[in-house]
Amino acid sequence: MQVLTEAEEKAVSAMRAQQVILWSAPVLAFVLLVLFVAFPGFFPPMSPDMSAAEVGEFYRDNTGMIQFSMVGFNLLGILIVPFFVLIMVQMQRMRSESHIYAFSYLTAVVAGATLFALSNIFFAVAAFRPDRGDDLTQVLNDMAWIIFIAPIGMLVGQFVLLALAVYADDRSAPVFPRWTGHYALATAVAMLPSAGAAVFRDGPLAWDGLISFWLRNTAFAAFVIVMFFLLRTALRRQAEQEGLPS
């Protein structure tokens, strides 16, 4: 029976922790998808042009499902953060100059998660007293939607920082293939126009529009799926390089 040194035991434990985070991501993603579908205001997305009376009626008619989905998001939404921390950990394995990109990446992740939680809270507050008055409910609904869709800077920052780290990792066996940087930048470009949701009330840039809602959320989901497979490959390669069980 092989006896591991203390350093080897730490390396094995770290690898196991990364594997746990990686393989818990699909389960969490499925649960979040269920919650996303459960929210009656996403399929189809609510229109910014709904009157105060229509918004108030929506919250009165769908109070239970709104509260269910938002409680679920607040309980489980933050659990997606470790997946992005796993990306950061792999960024730290790149060339030394990539470390500043990794820590900046983590800051952007935390900022994005905070805004996501804040939007959930405003949806939940609007549903907490749906009889408070249609005008107040509409204000809360506007705040929830704009915070959910429009503050795109931290997400764009994530993709740009990842791309910079990938481009800096010019070793013969990089952590992520170089095309990952191109893909991250393309995702940033796809999501950037949704900042217009804070301005436009109709058309593709409104919060229910083809670009701001559908392209933004689809691009983000696709990025997570692609990164899952890239992380799986990176962890296998790391285990081989360090002589650890994969």
Protein backbone atom coordinates (compact mmCIF):
# COMPACT_ATOMS: atom_id res chain seq x y z
CA MET A 1 0.00 0.00 0.00
CA GLN A 2 1.46 3.32 -1.08
CA VAL A 3 1.93 5.85 1.70
CA LEU A 4 1.38 9.43 0.62
CA THR A 5 3.38 12.33 1.95
CA GLU A 6 1.59 15.25 3.58
CA ALA A 7 2.04 17.34 0.42
CA GLU A 8 0.63 14.53 -1.73
CA GLU A 9 -2.36 14.12 0.58
CA LYS A 10 -3.10 17.84 0.30
CA ALA A 11 -2.85 17.66 -3.48
CA VAL A 12 -5.21 14.67 -3.60
CA SER A 13 -7.70 16.43 -1.30
CA ALA A 14 -7.57 19.58 -3.43
CA MET A 15 -8.18 17.55 -6.58
CA ARG A 16 -11.14 15.76 -4.99
CA ALA A 17 -12.65 19.08 -3.92
CA GLN A 18 -12.36 20.39 -7.47
CA GLN A 19 -14.00 17.25 -8.82
CA VAL A 20 -16.88 17.59 -6.35
CA ILE A 21 -17.49 21.17 -7.46
CA LEU A 22 -17.25 20.21 -11.12
CA TRP A 23 -19.71 17.32 -10.95
CA SER A 24 -22.16 19.12 -8.68
CA ALA A 25 -22.51 21.83 -11.35
CA PRO A 26 -24.83 19.85 -13.69
CA VAL A 27 -27.17 18.99 -10.81
CA LEU A 28 -27.29 22.59 -9.65
CA ALA A 29 -27.75 23.83 -13.22
CA PHE A 30 -30.77 21.52 -13.62
CA VAL A 31 -32.33 22.80 -10.39
CA LEU A 32 -31.77 26.42 -11.42
CA LEU A 33 -33.30 25.68 -14.82
CA VAL A 34 -36.40 24.29 -13.10
CA LEU A 35 -36.64 27.45 -10.97
CA PHE A 36 -36.12 29.61 -14.06
CA VAL A 37 -38.96 27.85 -15.87
CA ALA A 38 -41.13 27.97 -12.74
CA PHE A 39 -41.08 31.77 -12.67
CA PRO A 40 -44.17 32.71 -14.70
CA GLY A 41 -42.63 36.01 -15.81
CA PHE A 42 -39.90 34.45 -17.94
CA PHE A 43 -41.89 32.40 -20.48
CA PRO A 44 -42.64 34.70 -22.15
CA PRO A 45 -40.70 37.44 -20.38
CA MET A 46 -42.81 40.26 -18.99
CA SER A 47 -42.96 43.32 -21.20
CA PRO A 48 -41.63 46.69 -19.96
CA ASP A 49 -44.72 48.22 -21.58
CA MET A 50 -47.15 46.44 -19.24
CA SER A 51 -49.31 48.96 -17.39
CA ALA A 52 -49.23 49.22 -13.61
CA ALA A 53 -52.61 47.47 -13.49
CA GLU A 54 -51.32 44.59 -15.62
CA VAL A 55 -48.19 44.21 -13.49
CA GLY A 56 -50.24 44.25 -10.31
CA GLU A 57 -52.62 41.64 -11.69
CA PHE A 58 -49.69 39.45 -12.73
CA TYR A 59 -48.28 39.42 -9.20
CA ARG A 60 -51.67 38.79 -7.63
CA ASP A 61 -52.42 35.91 -10.01
CA ASN A 62 -48.98 34.26 -9.70
CA THR A 63 -47.92 35.02 -6.13
CA GLY A 64 -47.23 31.42 -5.14
CA MET A 65 -45.03 30.48 -8.11
CA ILE A 66 -43.14 33.78 -7.94
CA GLN A 67 -42.35 33.21 -4.27
CA PHE A 68 -41.40 29.58 -4.88
CA SER A 69 -38.95 30.43 -7.66
CA MET A 70 -37.40 33.41 -5.88
CA VAL A 71 -36.94 31.58 -2.57
CA GLY A 72 -35.28 28.81 -4.57
CA PHE A 73 -33.00 31.24 -6.37
CA ASN A 74 -31.98 32.87 -3.09
CA LEU A 75 -31.25 29.50 -1.49
CA LEU A 76 -29.45 27.89 -4.41
CA GLY A 77 -28.39 30.60 -6.84
CA ILE A 78 -25.25 31.45 -4.86
CA LEU A 79 -24.12 27.83 -5.13
CA ILE A 80 -23.14 28.42 -8.77
CA VAL A 81 -20.28 30.64 -7.53
CA PRO A 82 -17.96 27.69 -6.69
CA PHE A 83 -18.10 26.65 -10.35
CA PHE A 84 -16.63 30.00 -11.35
CA VAL A 85 -14.15 29.81 -8.46
CA LEU A 86 -13.03 26.53 -10.03
CA ILE A 87 -12.32 28.44 -13.24
CA MET A 88 -10.33 30.93 -11.16
CA VAL A 89 -8.30 28.10 -9.58
CA GLN A 90 -7.39 26.83 -13.03
CA MET A 91 -6.49 30.37 -14.10
CA GLN A 92 -4.00 30.42 -11.21
CA ARG A 93 -2.25 27.41 -12.74
CA MET A 94 -1.44 29.51 -15.79
CA ARG A 95 1.61 31.74 -16.14
CA SER A 96 2.37 33.91 -13.12
CA GLU A 97 1.08 37.10 -14.75
CA SER A 98 -2.32 35.44 -15.05
CA HIS A 99 -2.78 35.51 -11.26
CA ILE A 100 -3.91 39.14 -11.26
CA TYR A 101 -6.48 38.21 -13.89
CA ALA A 102 -7.65 35.33 -11.68
CA PHE A 103 -8.24 37.46 -8.59
CA SER A 104 -9.91 40.18 -10.65
CA TYR A 105 -12.08 37.45 -12.18
CA LEU A 106 -13.20 36.38 -8.71
CA THR A 107 -14.18 39.96 -7.88
CA ALA A 108 -16.33 40.14 -11.00
CA VAL A 109 -17.97 36.81 -10.12
CA VAL A 110 -18.88 37.99 -6.62
CA ALA A 111 -20.29 41.27 -7.98
CA GLY A 112 -22.43 39.40 -10.52
CA ALA A 113 -23.75 36.97 -7.92
CA THR A 114 -24.65 39.86 -5.62
CA LEU A 115 -26.66 41.63 -8.31
CA PHE A 116 -28.42 38.39 -9.24
CA ALA A 117 -29.44 37.92 -5.59
CA LEU A 118 -30.58 41.53 -5.39
CA SER A 119 -32.86 41.14 -8.40
CA ASN A 120 -34.40 38.04 -6.79
CA ILE A 121 -35.11 40.05 -3.65
CA PHE A 122 -36.97 42.75 -5.59
CA PHE A 123 -39.10 40.13 -7.37
CA ALA A 124 -39.84 38.56 -3.99
CA VAL A 125 -40.69 41.91 -2.35
CA ALA A 126 -43.10 42.72 -5.19
CA ALA A 127 -44.86 39.40 -4.53
CA PHE A 128 -44.77 39.76 -0.72
CA ARG A 129 -47.66 42.25 -0.65
CA PRO A 130 -49.27 42.07 -4.10
CA ASP A 131 -52.18 44.17 -2.83
CA ARG A 132 -49.98 47.10 -1.81
CA GLY A 133 -50.88 49.13 -4.92
CA ASP A 134 -50.19 48.59 -8.58
CA ASP A 135 -47.87 51.59 -8.95
CA LEU A 136 -45.56 50.41 -6.17
CA THR A 137 -45.59 46.86 -7.50
CA GLN A 138 -44.63 48.17 -10.92
CA VAL A 139 -41.69 50.09 -9.46
CA LEU A 140 -40.41 46.98 -7.69
CA ASN A 141 -40.90 44.95 -10.85
CA ASP A 142 -38.95 47.52 -12.90
CA MET A 143 -36.10 47.44 -10.38
CA ALA A 144 -36.02 43.65 -10.37
CA TRP A 145 -35.91 43.37 -14.15
CA ILE A 146 -33.38 46.13 -14.74
CA ILE A 147 -31.03 44.79 -12.06
CA PHE A 148 -31.41 41.29 -13.48
CA ILE A 149 -30.70 42.21 -17.11
CA ALA A 150 -28.92 45.55 -17.47
CA PRO A 151 -25.82 45.58 -15.17
CA ILE A 152 -23.67 43.62 -17.58
CA GLY A 153 -20.26 45.11 -16.80
CA MET A 154 -19.17 42.47 -14.29
CA LEU A 155 -20.13 39.63 -16.66
CA VAL A 156 -18.28 41.22 -19.57
CA GLY A 157 -15.36 41.70 -17.18
CA GLN A 158 -15.36 37.98 -16.36
CA PHE A 159 -15.13 36.98 -20.00
CA VAL A 160 -12.46 39.54 -20.86
CA LEU A 161 -10.31 38.61 -17.85
CA LEU A 162 -10.55 34.91 -18.70
CA ALA A 163 -9.56 35.67 -22.29
CA LEU A 164 -6.55 37.72 -21.17
CA ALA A 165 -5.42 34.91 -18.87
CA VAL A 166 -5.77 32.34 -21.65
CA TYR A 167 -3.78 34.49 -24.07
CA ALA A 168 -1.04 34.99 -21.46
CA ASP A 169 -0.73 31.23 -20.93
CA ASP A 170 1.54 30.59 -23.91
CA ARG A 171 3.09 27.35 -22.68
CA SER A 172 3.20 24.28 -24.91
CA ALA A 173 0.50 22.64 -22.75
CA PRO A 174 -1.83 25.48 -21.66
CA VAL A 175 -4.58 24.98 -19.08
CA PHE A 176 -7.28 25.92 -21.59
CA PRO A 177 -6.92 25.85 -25.40
CA ARG A 178 -6.37 29.24 -26.99
CA TRP A 179 -9.80 29.23 -28.65
CA THR A 180 -11.29 29.51 -25.15
CA GLY A 181 -10.16 33.13 -25.13
CA HIS A 182 -11.81 33.80 -28.48
CA TYR A 183 -15.02 32.17 -27.25
CA ALA A 184 -15.00 34.18 -24.01
CA LEU A 185 -14.64 37.44 -25.95
CA ALA A 186 -17.41 36.43 -28.37
CA THR A 187 -19.68 35.73 -25.39
CA ALA A 188 -18.84 39.15 -23.95
CA VAL A 189 -19.79 40.80 -27.25
CA ALA A 190 -23.07 38.85 -27.36
CA MET A 191 -24.05 39.94 -23.85
CA LEU A 192 -22.85 43.55 -23.95
CA PRO A 193 -25.92 45.06 -25.72
CA SER A 194 -28.24 43.96 -22.92
CA ALA A 195 -27.07 47.03 -21.00
CA GLY A 196 -29.67 48.78 -23.15
CA ALA A 197 -32.43 47.17 -21.09
CA ALA A 198 -32.10 50.10 -18.69
CA VAL A 199 -33.07 52.48 -21.52
CA PHE A 200 -35.31 50.75 -24.06
CA ARG A 201 -38.88 49.66 -23.37
CA ASP A 202 -39.47 47.85 -26.66
CA GLY A 203 -37.46 46.14 -29.38
CA PRO A 204 -34.55 43.68 -29.13
CA LEU A 205 -32.74 45.70 -26.44
CA ALA A 206 -35.69 45.89 -24.04
CA TRP A 207 -35.45 43.54 -21.08
CA ASP A 208 -37.81 41.09 -22.81
CA GLY A 209 -36.13 41.50 -26.20
CA LEU A 210 -34.35 39.02 -28.44
CA ILE A 211 -30.92 40.39 -27.56
CA SER A 212 -31.26 41.53 -23.95
CA PHE A 213 -33.16 38.49 -22.68
CA TRP A 214 -32.82 35.57 -25.04
CA LEU A 215 -29.33 36.11 -26.46
CA ARG A 216 -27.91 37.20 -23.11
CA ASN A 217 -29.22 34.24 -21.14
CA THR A 218 -28.57 31.67 -23.87
CA ALA A 219 -24.99 32.89 -24.34
CA PHE A 220 -24.36 32.67 -20.61
CA ALA A 221 -25.83 29.15 -20.34
CA ALA A 222 -23.84 27.97 -23.37
CA PHE A 223 -20.65 29.39 -21.85
CA VAL A 224 -21.22 27.45 -18.61
CA ILE A 225 -21.74 24.22 -20.56
CA VAL A 226 -18.59 24.73 -22.63
CA MET A 227 -16.54 25.56 -19.53
CA PHE A 228 -17.78 22.40 -17.80
CA PHE A 229 -16.16 20.25 -20.46
CA LEU A 230 -13.02 22.39 -20.59
CA LEU A 231 -12.67 22.17 -16.82
CA ARG A 232 -13.15 18.41 -16.91
CA THR A 233 -10.32 18.10 -19.42
CA ALA A 234 -8.11 20.52 -17.47
CA LEU A 235 -8.59 18.57 -14.23
CA ARG A 236 -7.74 15.29 -15.93
CA ARG A 237 -4.58 16.81 -17.38
CA GLN A 238 -3.66 18.31 -14.01
CA ALA A 239 -4.09 14.91 -12.32
CA GLU A 240 -1.85 13.27 -14.93
CA GLN A 241 0.83 15.94 -14.60
CA GLU A 242 0.85 15.70 -10.80
CA GLY A 243 0.50 11.91 -10.67
CA LEU A 244 -2.84 12.05 -8.88
CA PRO A 245 -5.96 9.91 -9.26
CA SER A 246 -8.32 11.65 -11.74
